[in-house]
Amino acid sequence: MKTKAVHYSEISESRVEMEDAKDVFIRWLVSKEDDAPNFYMRLFTIKPGGHTPHHSHNYEHEVFVLEGEGIVRIDGSEYVLRKGFTVTVPPDLMHQFRNSSDSDFSFLCIIPKV
């Protein structure tokens, strides 16, 4: 694993191109390029009115909200998220993050190495 100490703004941001994603952007803060042996860390920004796809996969998420307000739908239940909130998304459950505010909804998302 390489040591990495950079400001997040130095890491390129790209649009999430998954089907049914709307106005979602990602920065891979820690990823395979860093030779991270166990976890990856991502910064998501969802613009007002935007959302991730409603999807599932075989790994968990640990999420910490940095700014804005949104809703996460997990396996049919909805939870309101605001700055300072945390949420875990278990593996194999359908989930979706939506921005429910007039400003950016940003959160850190940590996943196991995939």
PDB file of N, CA and C in Angstrom:
ATOM      1  N   MET A   1       0.856  -1.179   0.000  1.00  0.00           N
ATOM      2  CA  MET A   1       0.000   0.000   0.000  1.00  0.00           C
ATOM      3  C   MET A   1       0.895   1.232   0.000  1.00  0.00           C
ATOM      4  N   LYS A   2       0.529   2.207  -0.821  1.00  0.00           N
ATOM      5  CA  LYS A   2       1.257   3.469  -0.893  1.00  0.00           C
ATOM      6  C   LYS A   2       0.706   4.458   0.122  1.00  0.00           C
ATOM      7  N   THR A   3       1.584   5.307   0.651  1.00  0.00           N
ATOM      8  CA  THR A   3       1.119   6.408   1.481  1.00  0.00           C
ATOM      9  C   THR A   3       0.543   7.475   0.556  1.00  0.00           C
ATOM     10  N   LYS A   4      -0.576   8.057   0.969  1.00  0.00           N
ATOM     11  CA  LYS A   4      -1.242   9.068   0.153  1.00  0.00           C
ATOM     12  C   LYS A   4      -1.707  10.181   1.074  1.00  0.00           C
ATOM     13  N   ALA A   5      -1.324  11.410   0.763  1.00  0.00           N
ATOM     14  CA  ALA A   5      -1.762  12.577   1.534  1.00  0.00           C
ATOM     15  C   ALA A   5      -2.017  13.710   0.559  1.00  0.00           C
ATOM     16  N   VAL A   6      -3.269  13.847   0.129  1.00  0.00           N
ATOM     17  CA  VAL A   6      -3.647  14.872  -0.840  1.00  0.00           C
ATOM     18  C   VAL A   6      -4.981  15.477  -0.433  1.00  0.00           C
ATOM     19  N   HIS A   7      -5.219  16.695  -0.877  1.00  0.00           N
ATOM     20  CA  HIS A   7      -6.528  17.311  -0.693  1.00  0.00           C
ATOM     21  C   HIS A   7      -7.500  16.647  -1.663  1.00  0.00           C
ATOM     22  N   TYR A   8      -8.718  16.415  -1.208  1.00  0.00           N
ATOM     23  CA  TYR A   8      -9.681  15.704  -2.056  1.00  0.00           C
ATOM     24  C   TYR A   8      -9.886  16.376  -3.411  1.00  0.00           C
ATOM     25  N   SER A   9      -9.751  17.701  -3.465  1.00  0.00           N
ATOM     26  CA  SER A   9      -9.982  18.421  -4.725  1.00  0.00           C
ATOM     27  C   SER A   9      -8.928  18.093  -5.784  1.00  0.00           C
ATOM     28  N   GLU A  10      -7.821  17.482  -5.366  1.00  0.00           N
ATOM     29  CA  GLU A  10      -6.783  17.071  -6.322  1.00  0.00           C
ATOM     30  C   GLU A  10      -7.119  15.742  -6.991  1.00  0.00           C
ATOM     31  N   ILE A  11      -8.162  15.078  -6.527  1.00  0.00           N
ATOM     32  CA  ILE A  11      -8.582  13.792  -7.085  1.00  0.00           C
ATOM     33  C   ILE A  11      -9.710  14.061  -8.073  1.00  0.00           C
ATOM     34  N   SER A  12      -9.570  13.515  -9.259  1.00  0.00           N
ATOM     35  CA  SER A  12     -10.551  13.826 -10.304  1.00  0.00           C
ATOM     36  C   SER A  12     -11.940  13.307  -9.944  1.00  0.00           C
ATOM     37  N   GLU A  13     -12.921  14.100 -10.332  1.00  0.00           N
ATOM     38  CA  GLU A  13     -14.329  13.763 -10.138  1.00  0.00           C
ATOM     39  C   GLU A  13     -14.890  13.342 -11.481  1.00  0.00           C
ATOM     40  N   SER A  14     -15.709  12.304 -11.478  1.00  0.00           N
ATOM     41  CA  SER A  14     -16.344  11.884 -12.729  1.00  0.00           C
ATOM     42  C   SER A  14     -17.820  11.599 -12.483  1.00  0.00           C
ATOM     43  N   ARG A  15     -18.566  11.721 -13.547  1.00  0.00           N
ATOM     44  CA  ARG A  15     -20.009  11.436 -13.493  1.00  0.00           C
ATOM     45  C   ARG A  15     -20.200   9.928 -13.391  1.00  0.00           C
ATOM     46  N   VAL A  16     -21.135   9.503 -12.546  1.00  0.00           N
ATOM     47  CA  VAL A  16     -21.497   8.093 -12.464  1.00  0.00           C
ATOM     48  C   VAL A  16     -22.348   7.773 -13.687  1.00  0.00           C
ATOM     49  N   GLU A  17     -21.884   6.821 -14.477  1.00  0.00           N
ATOM     50  CA  GLU A  17     -22.533   6.512 -15.756  1.00  0.00           C
ATOM     51  C   GLU A  17     -23.417   5.272 -15.710  1.00  0.00           C
ATOM     52  N   MET A  18     -23.747   4.790 -14.523  1.00  0.00           N
ATOM     53  CA  MET A  18     -24.622   3.617 -14.423  1.00  0.00           C
ATOM     54  C   MET A  18     -26.009   3.959 -14.953  1.00  0.00           C
ATOM     55  N   GLU A  19     -26.677   2.962 -15.524  1.00  0.00           N
ATOM     56  CA  GLU A  19     -28.040   3.157 -15.994  1.00  0.00           C
ATOM     57  C   GLU A  19     -28.926   3.618 -14.837  1.00  0.00           C
ATOM     58  N   ASP A  20     -29.742   4.619 -15.069  1.00  0.00           N
ATOM     59  CA  ASP A  20     -30.683   5.217 -14.116  1.00  0.00           C
ATOM     60  C   ASP A  20     -30.012   6.084 -13.051  1.00  0.00           C
ATOM     61  N   ALA A  21     -28.725   6.383 -13.194  1.00  0.00           N
ATOM     62  CA  ALA A  21     -28.099   7.375 -12.307  1.00  0.00           C
ATOM     63  C   ALA A  21     -28.396   8.753 -12.886  1.00  0.00           C
ATOM     64  N   LYS A  22     -28.725   9.699 -12.010  1.00  0.00           N
ATOM     65  CA  LYS A  22     -29.023  11.052 -12.461  1.00  0.00           C
ATOM     66  C   LYS A  22     -28.238  12.047 -11.613  1.00  0.00           C
ATOM     67  N   ASP A  23     -27.361  12.803 -12.250  1.00  0.00           N
ATOM     68  CA  ASP A  23     -26.602  13.881 -11.601  1.00  0.00           C
ATOM     69  C   ASP A  23     -25.839  13.415 -10.365  1.00  0.00           C
ATOM     70  N   VAL A  24     -25.128  12.287 -10.518  1.00  0.00           N
ATOM     71  CA  VAL A  24     -24.312  11.720  -9.449  1.00  0.00           C
ATOM     72  C   VAL A  24     -22.852  11.767  -9.889  1.00  0.00           C
ATOM     73  N   PHE A  25     -21.987  12.220  -8.964  1.00  0.00           N
ATOM     74  CA  PHE A  25     -20.558  12.354  -9.248  1.00  0.00           C
ATOM     75  C   PHE A  25     -19.758  11.630  -8.173  1.00  0.00           C
ATOM     76  N   ILE A  26     -18.592  11.095  -8.573  1.00  0.00           N
ATOM     77  CA  ILE A  26     -17.782  10.290  -7.659  1.00  0.00           C
ATOM     78  C   ILE A  26     -16.318  10.695  -7.741  1.00  0.00           C
ATOM     79  N   ARG A  27     -15.659  10.663  -6.587  1.00  0.00           N
ATOM     80  CA  ARG A  27     -14.198  10.750  -6.490  1.00  0.00           C
ATOM     81  C   ARG A  27     -13.757   9.503  -5.734  1.00  0.00           C
ATOM     82  N   TRP A  28     -12.845   8.738  -6.309  1.00  0.00           N
ATOM     83  CA  TRP A  28     -12.285   7.564  -5.650  1.00  0.00           C
ATOM     84  C   TRP A  28     -11.117   8.056  -4.789  1.00  0.00           C
ATOM     85  N   LEU A  29     -11.391   8.330  -3.506  1.00  0.00           N
ATOM     86  CA  LEU A  29     -10.378   8.886  -2.614  1.00  0.00           C
ATOM     87  C   LEU A  29      -9.290   7.869  -2.293  1.00  0.00           C
ATOM     88  N   VAL A  30      -9.675   6.623  -2.085  1.00  0.00           N
ATOM     89  CA  VAL A  30      -8.745   5.508  -1.901  1.00  0.00           C
ATOM     90  C   VAL A  30      -9.266   4.370  -2.763  1.00  0.00           C
ATOM     91  N   SER A  31      -8.396   3.820  -3.610  1.00  0.00           N
ATOM     92  CA  SER A  31      -8.856   2.823  -4.572  1.00  0.00           C
ATOM     93  C   SER A  31      -7.746   1.827  -4.891  1.00  0.00           C
ATOM     94  N   LYS A  32      -7.998   0.993  -5.877  1.00  0.00           N
ATOM     95  CA  LYS A  32      -6.997  -0.001  -6.269  1.00  0.00           C
ATOM     96  C   LYS A  32      -5.704   0.664  -6.735  1.00  0.00           C
ATOM     97  N   GLU A  33      -5.789   1.878  -7.293  1.00  0.00           N
ATOM     98  CA  GLU A  33      -4.584   2.584  -7.713  1.00  0.00           C
ATOM     99  C   GLU A  33      -3.664   2.913  -6.533  1.00  0.00           C
ATOM    100  N   ASP A  34      -4.224   2.921  -5.331  1.00  0.00           N
ATOM    101  CA  ASP A  34      -3.442   3.183  -4.117  1.00  0.00           C
ATOM    102  C   ASP A  34      -2.951   1.889  -3.476  1.00  0.00           C
ATOM    103  N   ASP A  35      -3.224   0.771  -4.123  1.00  0.00           N
ATOM    104  CA  ASP A  35      -2.882  -0.549  -3.580  1.00  0.00           C
ATOM    105  C   ASP A  35      -3.510  -0.780  -2.210  1.00  0.00           C
ATOM    106  N   ALA A  36      -4.684  -0.239  -1.989  1.00  0.00           N
ATOM    107  CA  ALA A  36      -5.381  -0.425  -0.715  1.00  0.00           C
ATOM    108  C   ALA A  36      -5.714  -1.908  -0.547  1.00  0.00           C
ATOM    109  N   PRO A  37      -5.276  -2.520   0.545  1.00  0.00           N
ATOM    110  CA  PRO A  37      -5.443  -3.969   0.673  1.00  0.00           C
ATOM    111  C   PRO A  37      -6.827  -4.416   1.136  1.00  0.00           C
ATOM    112  N   ASN A  38      -7.608  -3.522   1.784  1.00  0.00           N
ATOM    113  CA  ASN A  38      -8.861  -3.981   2.380  1.00  0.00           C
ATOM    114  C   ASN A  38     -10.092  -3.166   2.020  1.00  0.00           C
ATOM    115  N   PHE A  39      -9.958  -1.835   1.958  1.00  0.00           N
ATOM    116  CA  PHE A  39     -11.123  -0.973   1.777  1.00  0.00           C
ATOM    117  C   PHE A  39     -10.857   0.098   0.730  1.00  0.00           C
ATOM    118  N   TYR A  40     -11.939   0.550   0.095  1.00  0.00           N
ATOM    119  CA  TYR A  40     -11.906   1.692  -0.805  1.00  0.00           C
ATOM    120  C   TYR A  40     -12.799   2.775  -0.203  1.00  0.00           C
ATOM    121  N   MET A  41     -12.421   4.031  -0.420  1.00  0.00           N
ATOM    122  CA  MET A  41     -13.222   5.153   0.070  1.00  0.00           C
ATOM    123  C   MET A  41     -13.582   6.053  -1.109  1.00  0.00           C
ATOM    124  N   ARG A  42     -14.871   6.373  -1.193  1.00  0.00           N
ATOM    125  CA  ARG A  42     -15.368   7.180  -2.298  1.00  0.00           C
ATOM    126  C   ARG A  42     -16.109   8.386  -1.747  1.00  0.00           C
ATOM    127  N   LEU A  43     -16.070   9.475  -2.486  1.00  0.00           N
ATOM    128  CA  LEU A  43     -16.851  10.667  -2.164  1.00  0.00           C
ATOM    129  C   LEU A  43     -17.882  10.835  -3.264  1.00  0.00           C
ATOM    130  N   PHE A  44     -19.150  10.739  -2.880  1.00  0.00           N
ATOM    131  CA  PHE A  44     -20.239  10.941  -3.825  1.00  0.00           C
ATOM    132  C   PHE A  44     -20.842  12.318  -3.616  1.00  0.00           C
ATOM    133  N   THR A  45     -21.189  12.977  -4.709  1.00  0.00           N
ATOM    134  CA  THR A  45     -21.972  14.205  -4.681  1.00  0.00           C
ATOM    135  C   THR A  45     -23.154  14.005  -5.606  1.00  0.00           C
ATOM    136  N   ILE A  46     -24.346  14.197  -5.049  1.00  0.00           N
ATOM    137  CA  ILE A  46     -25.576  14.091  -5.834  1.00  0.00           C
ATOM    138  C   ILE A  46     -26.191  15.480  -5.898  1.00  0.00           C
ATOM    139  N   LYS A  47     -26.395  15.959  -7.096  1.00  0.00           N
ATOM    140  CA  LYS A  47     -26.963  17.288  -7.316  1.00  0.00           C
ATOM    141  C   LYS A  47     -28.457  17.288  -6.977  1.00  0.00           C
ATOM    142  N   PRO A  48     -29.041  18.475  -6.720  1.00  0.00           N
ATOM    143  CA  PRO A  48     -30.478  18.541  -6.430  1.00  0.00           C
ATOM    144  C   PRO A  48     -31.300  17.812  -7.502  1.00  0.00           C
ATOM    145  N   GLY A  49     -32.228  16.980  -7.054  1.00  0.00           N
ATOM    146  CA  GLY A  49     -33.058  16.198  -7.974  1.00  0.00           C
ATOM    147  C   GLY A  49     -32.397  14.932  -8.477  1.00  0.00           C
ATOM    148  N   GLY A  50     -31.143  14.709  -8.105  1.00  0.00           N
ATOM    149  CA  GLY A  50     -30.411  13.549  -8.589  1.00  0.00           C
ATOM    150  C   GLY A  50     -30.586  12.327  -7.705  1.00  0.00           C
ATOM    151  N   HIS A  51     -30.134  11.170  -8.230  1.00  0.00           N
ATOM    152  CA  HIS A  51     -30.229   9.913  -7.496  1.00  0.00           C
ATOM    153  C   HIS A  51     -29.302   8.868  -8.088  1.00  0.00           C
ATOM    154  N   THR A  52     -28.931   7.908  -7.257  1.00  0.00           N
ATOM    155  CA  THR A  52     -28.210   6.742  -7.746  1.00  0.00           C
ATOM    156  C   THR A  52     -29.230   5.763  -8.319  1.00  0.00           C
ATOM    157  N   PRO A  53     -28.782   4.767  -9.052  1.00  0.00           N
ATOM    158  CA  PRO A  53     -29.711   3.729  -9.492  1.00  0.00           C
ATOM    159  C   PRO A  53     -30.248   2.946  -8.287  1.00  0.00           C
ATOM    160  N   HIS A  54     -31.379   2.334  -8.445  1.00  0.00           N
ATOM    161  CA  HIS A  54     -31.901   1.404  -7.443  1.00  0.00           C
ATOM    162  C   HIS A  54     -31.260   0.064  -7.782  1.00  0.00           C
ATOM    163  N   HIS A  55     -30.328  -0.391  -6.943  1.00  0.00           N
ATOM    164  CA  HIS A  55     -29.502  -1.542  -7.295  1.00  0.00           C
ATOM    165  C   HIS A  55     -29.043  -2.299  -6.051  1.00  0.00           C
ATOM    166  N   SER A  56     -28.384  -3.431  -6.264  1.00  0.00           N
ATOM    167  CA  SER A  56     -27.790  -4.196  -5.173  1.00  0.00           C
ATOM    168  C   SER A  56     -26.483  -4.806  -5.656  1.00  0.00           C
ATOM    169  N   HIS A  57     -25.666  -5.235  -4.711  1.00  0.00           N
ATOM    170  CA  HIS A  57     -24.435  -5.949  -4.998  1.00  0.00           C
ATOM    171  C   HIS A  57     -24.036  -6.738  -3.771  1.00  0.00           C
ATOM    172  N   ASN A  58     -23.008  -7.544  -3.890  1.00  0.00           N
ATOM    173  CA  ASN A  58     -22.680  -8.495  -2.829  1.00  0.00           C
ATOM    174  C   ASN A  58     -21.721  -7.958  -1.776  1.00  0.00           C
ATOM    175  N   TYR A  59     -21.616  -6.645  -1.641  1.00  0.00           N
ATOM    176  CA  TYR A  59     -20.754  -6.071  -0.605  1.00  0.00           C
ATOM    177  C   TYR A  59     -21.488  -4.951   0.130  1.00  0.00           C
ATOM    178  N   GLU A  60     -21.022  -4.688   1.338  1.00  0.00           N
ATOM    179  CA  GLU A  60     -21.625  -3.674   2.207  1.00  0.00           C
ATOM    180  C   GLU A  60     -21.124  -2.278   1.861  1.00  0.00           C
ATOM    181  N   HIS A  61     -21.853  -1.268   2.361  1.00  0.00           N
ATOM    182  CA  HIS A  61     -21.427   0.145   2.324  1.00  0.00           C
ATOM    183  C   HIS A  61     -21.451   0.676   3.748  1.00  0.00           C
ATOM    184  N   GLU A  62     -20.497   1.518   4.071  1.00  0.00           N
ATOM    185  CA  GLU A  62     -20.559   2.347   5.276  1.00  0.00           C
ATOM    186  C   GLU A  62     -20.539   3.785   4.789  1.00  0.00           C
ATOM    187  N   VAL A  63     -21.519   4.573   5.173  1.00  0.00           N
ATOM    188  CA  VAL A  63     -21.722   5.916   4.624  1.00  0.00           C
ATOM    189  C   VAL A  63     -21.727   6.949   5.746  1.00  0.00           C
ATOM    190  N   PHE A  64     -21.092   8.098   5.472  1.00  0.00           N
ATOM    191  CA  PHE A  64     -21.113   9.232   6.398  1.00  0.00           C
ATOM    192  C   PHE A  64     -21.458  10.478   5.595  1.00  0.00           C
ATOM    193  N   VAL A  65     -22.536  11.182   5.977  1.00  0.00           N
ATOM    194  CA  VAL A  65     -23.018  12.340   5.231  1.00  0.00           C
ATOM    195  C   VAL A  65     -22.217  13.582   5.623  1.00  0.00           C
ATOM    196  N   LEU A  66     -21.692  14.265   4.599  1.00  0.00           N
ATOM    197  CA  LEU A  66     -20.888  15.473   4.805  1.00  0.00           C
ATOM    198  C   LEU A  66     -21.701  16.746   4.682  1.00  0.00           C
ATOM    199  N   GLU A  67     -22.641  16.772   3.720  1.00  0.00           N
ATOM    200  CA  GLU A  67     -23.447  17.981   3.519  1.00  0.00           C
ATOM    201  C   GLU A  67     -24.733  17.645   2.793  1.00  0.00           C
ATOM    202  N   GLY A  68     -25.690  18.561   2.930  1.00  0.00           N
ATOM    203  CA  GLY A  68     -26.964  18.415   2.238  1.00  0.00           C
ATOM    204  C   GLY A  68     -27.908  17.487   2.973  1.00  0.00           C
ATOM    205  N   GLU A  69     -28.959  17.126   2.266  1.00  0.00           N
ATOM    206  CA  GLU A  69     -29.972  16.225   2.817  1.00  0.00           C
ATOM    207  C   GLU A  69     -30.425  15.287   1.725  1.00  0.00           C
ATOM    208  N   GLY A  70     -30.636  14.047   2.111  1.00  0.00           N
ATOM    209  CA  GLY A  70     -31.084  13.071   1.134  1.00  0.00           C
ATOM    210  C   GLY A  70     -31.872  11.963   1.797  1.00  0.00           C
ATOM    211  N   ILE A  71     -32.270  11.043   0.968  1.00  0.00           N
ATOM    212  CA  ILE A  71     -33.025   9.879   1.416  1.00  0.00           C
ATOM    213  C   ILE A  71     -32.318   8.648   0.875  1.00  0.00           C
ATOM    214  N   VAL A  72     -32.154   7.657   1.727  1.00  0.00           N
ATOM    215  CA  VAL A  72     -31.677   6.368   1.253  1.00  0.00           C
ATOM    216  C   VAL A  72     -32.827   5.376   1.392  1.00  0.00           C
ATOM    217  N   ARG A  73     -33.042   4.639   0.343  1.00  0.00           N
ATOM    218  CA  ARG A  73     -34.044   3.573   0.352  1.00  0.00           C
ATOM    219  C   ARG A  73     -33.271   2.261   0.401  1.00  0.00           C
ATOM    220  N   ILE A  74     -33.543   1.458   1.421  1.00  0.00           N
ATOM    221  CA  ILE A  74     -32.867   0.174   1.587  1.00  0.00           C
ATOM    222  C   ILE A  74     -33.926  -0.894   1.791  1.00  0.00           C
ATOM    223  N   ASP A  75     -34.007  -1.804   0.854  1.00  0.00           N
ATOM    224  CA  ASP A  75     -34.901  -2.953   0.976  1.00  0.00           C
ATOM    225  C   ASP A  75     -36.334  -2.537   1.325  1.00  0.00           C
ATOM    226  N   GLY A  76     -36.813  -1.466   0.686  1.00  0.00           N
ATOM    227  CA  GLY A  76     -38.195  -1.025   0.865  1.00  0.00           C
ATOM    228  C   GLY A  76     -38.426  -0.010   1.968  1.00  0.00           C
ATOM    229  N   SER A  77     -37.435   0.242   2.827  1.00  0.00           N
ATOM    230  CA  SER A  77     -37.560   1.258   3.877  1.00  0.00           C
ATOM    231  C   SER A  77     -36.788   2.499   3.477  1.00  0.00           C
ATOM    232  N   GLU A  78     -37.280   3.680   3.909  1.00  0.00           N
ATOM    233  CA  GLU A  78     -36.596   4.938   3.602  1.00  0.00           C
ATOM    234  C   GLU A  78     -36.125   5.610   4.876  1.00  0.00           C
ATOM    235  N   TYR A  79     -34.937   6.220   4.789  1.00  0.00           N
ATOM    236  CA  TYR A  79     -34.332   6.910   5.918  1.00  0.00           C
ATOM    237  C   TYR A  79     -33.860   8.280   5.454  1.00  0.00           C
ATOM    238  N   VAL A  80     -34.195   9.323   6.216  1.00  0.00           N
ATOM    239  CA  VAL A  80     -33.733  10.671   5.922  1.00  0.00           C
ATOM    240  C   VAL A  80     -32.309  10.811   6.456  1.00  0.00           C
ATOM    241  N   LEU A  81     -31.435  11.364   5.628  1.00  0.00           N
ATOM    242  CA  LEU A  81     -30.037  11.556   5.998  1.00  0.00           C
ATOM    243  C   LEU A  81     -29.676  13.030   5.903  1.00  0.00           C
ATOM    244  N   ARG A  82     -28.960  13.528   6.899  1.00  0.00           N
ATOM    245  CA  ARG A  82     -28.466  14.911   6.912  1.00  0.00           C
ATOM    246  C   ARG A  82     -27.013  14.886   7.348  1.00  0.00           C
ATOM    247  N   LYS A  83     -26.382  16.043   7.243  1.00  0.00           N
ATOM    248  CA  LYS A  83     -24.996  16.198   7.666  1.00  0.00           C
ATOM    249  C   LYS A  83     -24.780  15.551   9.036  1.00  0.00           C
ATOM    250  N   GLY A  84     -23.749  14.715   9.122  1.00  0.00           N
ATOM    251  CA  GLY A  84     -23.412  14.052  10.369  1.00  0.00           C
ATOM    252  C   GLY A  84     -24.047  12.684  10.557  1.00  0.00           C
ATOM    253  N   PHE A  85     -25.018  12.324   9.704  1.00  0.00           N
ATOM    254  CA  PHE A  85     -25.655  11.016   9.817  1.00  0.00           C
ATOM    255  C   PHE A  85     -24.757   9.941   9.217  1.00  0.00           C
ATOM    256  N   THR A  86     -24.926   8.738   9.721  1.00  0.00           N
ATOM    257  CA  THR A  86     -24.239   7.577   9.171  1.00  0.00           C
ATOM    258  C   THR A  86     -25.268   6.496   8.877  1.00  0.00           C
ATOM    259  N   VAL A  87     -24.969   5.673   7.891  1.00  0.00           N
ATOM    260  CA  VAL A  87     -25.870   4.573   7.551  1.00  0.00           C
ATOM    261  C   VAL A  87     -25.027   3.418   7.021  1.00  0.00           C
ATOM    262  N   THR A  88     -25.459   2.216   7.339  1.00  0.00           N
ATOM    263  CA  THR A  88     -24.836   1.030   6.755  1.00  0.00           C
ATOM    264  C   THR A  88     -25.834   0.395   5.800  1.00  0.00           C
ATOM    265  N   VAL A  89     -25.317  -0.061   4.683  1.00  0.00           N
ATOM    266  CA  VAL A  89     -26.136  -0.764   3.695  1.00  0.00           C
ATOM    267  C   VAL A  89     -25.590  -2.185   3.622  1.00  0.00           C
ATOM    268  N   PRO A  90     -26.358  -3.165   4.114  1.00  0.00           N
ATOM    269  CA  PRO A  90     -25.888  -4.553   4.075  1.00  0.00           C
ATOM    270  C   PRO A  90     -25.766  -5.065   2.640  1.00  0.00           C
ATOM    271  N   PRO A  91     -24.963  -6.103   2.436  1.00  0.00           N
ATOM    272  CA  PRO A  91     -24.844  -6.674   1.094  1.00  0.00           C
ATOM    273  C   PRO A  91     -26.161  -7.270   0.598  1.00  0.00           C
ATOM    274  N   ASP A  92     -26.309  -7.288  -0.709  1.00  0.00           N
ATOM    275  CA  ASP A  92     -27.408  -7.967  -1.406  1.00  0.00           C
ATOM    276  C   ASP A  92     -28.784  -7.347  -1.205  1.00  0.00           C
ATOM    277  N   LEU A  93     -28.865  -6.142  -0.618  1.00  0.00           N
ATOM    278  CA  LEU A  93     -30.160  -5.469  -0.483  1.00  0.00           C
ATOM    279  C   LEU A  93     -30.277  -4.362  -1.531  1.00  0.00           C
ATOM    280  N   MET A  94     -31.456  -4.239  -2.115  1.00  0.00           N
ATOM    281  CA  MET A  94     -31.699  -3.161  -3.059  1.00  0.00           C
ATOM    282  C   MET A  94     -31.606  -1.838  -2.297  1.00  0.00           C
ATOM    283  N   HIS A  95     -30.934  -0.851  -2.915  1.00  0.00           N
ATOM    284  CA  HIS A  95     -30.773   0.446  -2.258  1.00  0.00           C
ATOM    285  C   HIS A  95     -30.625   1.555  -3.296  1.00  0.00           C
ATOM    286  N   GLN A  96     -30.911   2.777  -2.835  1.00  0.00           N
ATOM    287  CA  GLN A  96     -30.809   3.956  -3.688  1.00  0.00           C
ATOM    288  C   GLN A  96     -30.655   5.180  -2.797  1.00  0.00           C
ATOM    289  N   PHE A  97     -29.763   6.100  -3.213  1.00  0.00           N
ATOM    290  CA  PHE A  97     -29.594   7.388  -2.538  1.00  0.00           C
ATOM    291  C   PHE A  97     -30.199   8.464  -3.423  1.00  0.00           C
ATOM    292  N   ARG A  98     -30.986   9.377  -2.810  1.00  0.00           N
ATOM    293  CA  ARG A  98     -31.619  10.471  -3.553  1.00  0.00           C
ATOM    294  C   ARG A  98     -31.362  11.784  -2.833  1.00  0.00           C
ATOM    295  N   ASN A  99     -31.109  12.828  -3.598  1.00  0.00           N
ATOM    296  CA  ASN A  99     -30.980  14.163  -3.027  1.00  0.00           C
ATOM    297  C   ASN A  99     -32.385  14.725  -2.864  1.00  0.00           C
ATOM    298  N   SER A 100     -32.719  15.134  -1.637  1.00  0.00           N
ATOM    299  CA  SER A 100     -34.055  15.681  -1.374  1.00  0.00           C
ATOM    300  C   SER A 100     -33.984  17.162  -0.997  1.00  0.00           C
ATOM    301  N   SER A 101     -32.876  17.825  -1.347  1.00  0.00           N
ATOM    302  CA  SER A 101     -32.693  19.217  -0.953  1.00  0.00           C
ATOM    303  C   SER A 101     -32.395  20.086  -2.175  1.00  0.00           C
ATOM    304  N   ASP A 102     -32.211  21.371  -1.923  1.00  0.00           N
ATOM    305  CA  ASP A 102     -31.892  22.326  -2.987  1.00  0.00           C
ATOM    306  C   ASP A 102     -30.394  22.552  -3.131  1.00  0.00           C
ATOM    307  N   SER A 103     -29.601  21.805  -2.367  1.00  0.00           N
ATOM    308  CA  SER A 103     -28.145  21.937  -2.457  1.00  0.00           C
ATOM    309  C   SER A 103     -27.535  20.556  -2.666  1.00  0.00           C
ATOM    310  N   ASP A 104     -26.232  20.519  -2.892  1.00  0.00           N
ATOM    311  CA  ASP A 104     -25.560  19.245  -3.103  1.00  0.00           C
ATOM    312  C   ASP A 104     -25.711  18.342  -1.882  1.00  0.00           C
ATOM    313  N   PHE A 105     -25.844  17.057  -2.126  1.00  0.00           N
ATOM    314  CA  PHE A 105     -25.886  16.015  -1.100  1.00  0.00           C
ATOM    315  C   PHE A 105     -24.604  15.215  -1.270  1.00  0.00           C
ATOM    316  N   SER A 106     -23.688  15.316  -0.302  1.00  0.00           N
ATOM    317  CA  SER A 106     -22.384  14.673  -0.420  1.00  0.00           C
ATOM    318  C   SER A 106     -22.146  13.732   0.745  1.00  0.00           C
ATOM    319  N   PHE A 107     -21.538  12.587   0.434  1.00  0.00           N
ATOM    320  CA  PHE A 107     -21.254  11.616   1.489  1.00  0.00           C
ATOM    321  C   PHE A 107     -20.045  10.776   1.135  1.00  0.00           C
ATOM    322  N   LEU A 108     -19.363  10.334   2.198  1.00  0.00           N
ATOM    323  CA  LEU A 108     -18.296   9.362   2.045  1.00  0.00           C
ATOM    324  C   LEU A 108     -18.915   7.993   2.038  1.00  0.00           C
ATOM    325  N   CYS A 109     -18.375   7.110   1.233  1.00  0.00           N
ATOM    326  CA  CYS A 109     -18.860   5.739   1.153  1.00  0.00           C
ATOM    327  C   CYS A 109     -17.658   4.818   1.149  1.00  0.00           C
ATOM    328  N   ILE A 110     -17.588   3.950   2.152  1.00  0.00           N
ATOM    329  CA  ILE A 110     -16.487   3.012   2.271  1.00  0.00           C
ATOM    330  C   ILE A 110     -17.005   1.617   1.947  1.00  0.00           C
ATOM    331  N   ILE A 111     -16.270   0.923   1.087  1.00  0.00           N
ATOM    332  CA  ILE A 111     -16.651  -0.432   0.685  1.00  0.00           C
ATOM    333  C   ILE A 111     -15.433  -1.338   0.813  1.00  0.00           C
ATOM    334  N   PRO A 112     -15.660  -2.642   0.940  1.00  0.00           N
ATOM    335  CA  PRO A 112     -14.529  -3.548   0.926  1.00  0.00           C
ATOM    336  C   PRO A 112     -13.882  -3.564  -0.455  1.00  0.00           C
ATOM    337  N   LYS A 113     -12.637  -3.946  -0.491  1.00  0.00           N
ATOM    338  CA  LYS A 113     -11.932  -4.076  -1.770  1.00  0.00           C
ATOM    339  C   LYS A 113     -12.738  -5.034  -2.655  1.00  0.00           C
ATOM    340  N   VAL A 114     -13.107  -4.579  -3.829  1.00  0.00           N
ATOM    341  CA  VAL A 114     -13.914  -5.385  -4.750  1.00  0.00           C
ATOM    342  C   VAL A 114     -13.170  -5.647  -6.041  1.00  0.00           C
TER     343      VAL A 114
END
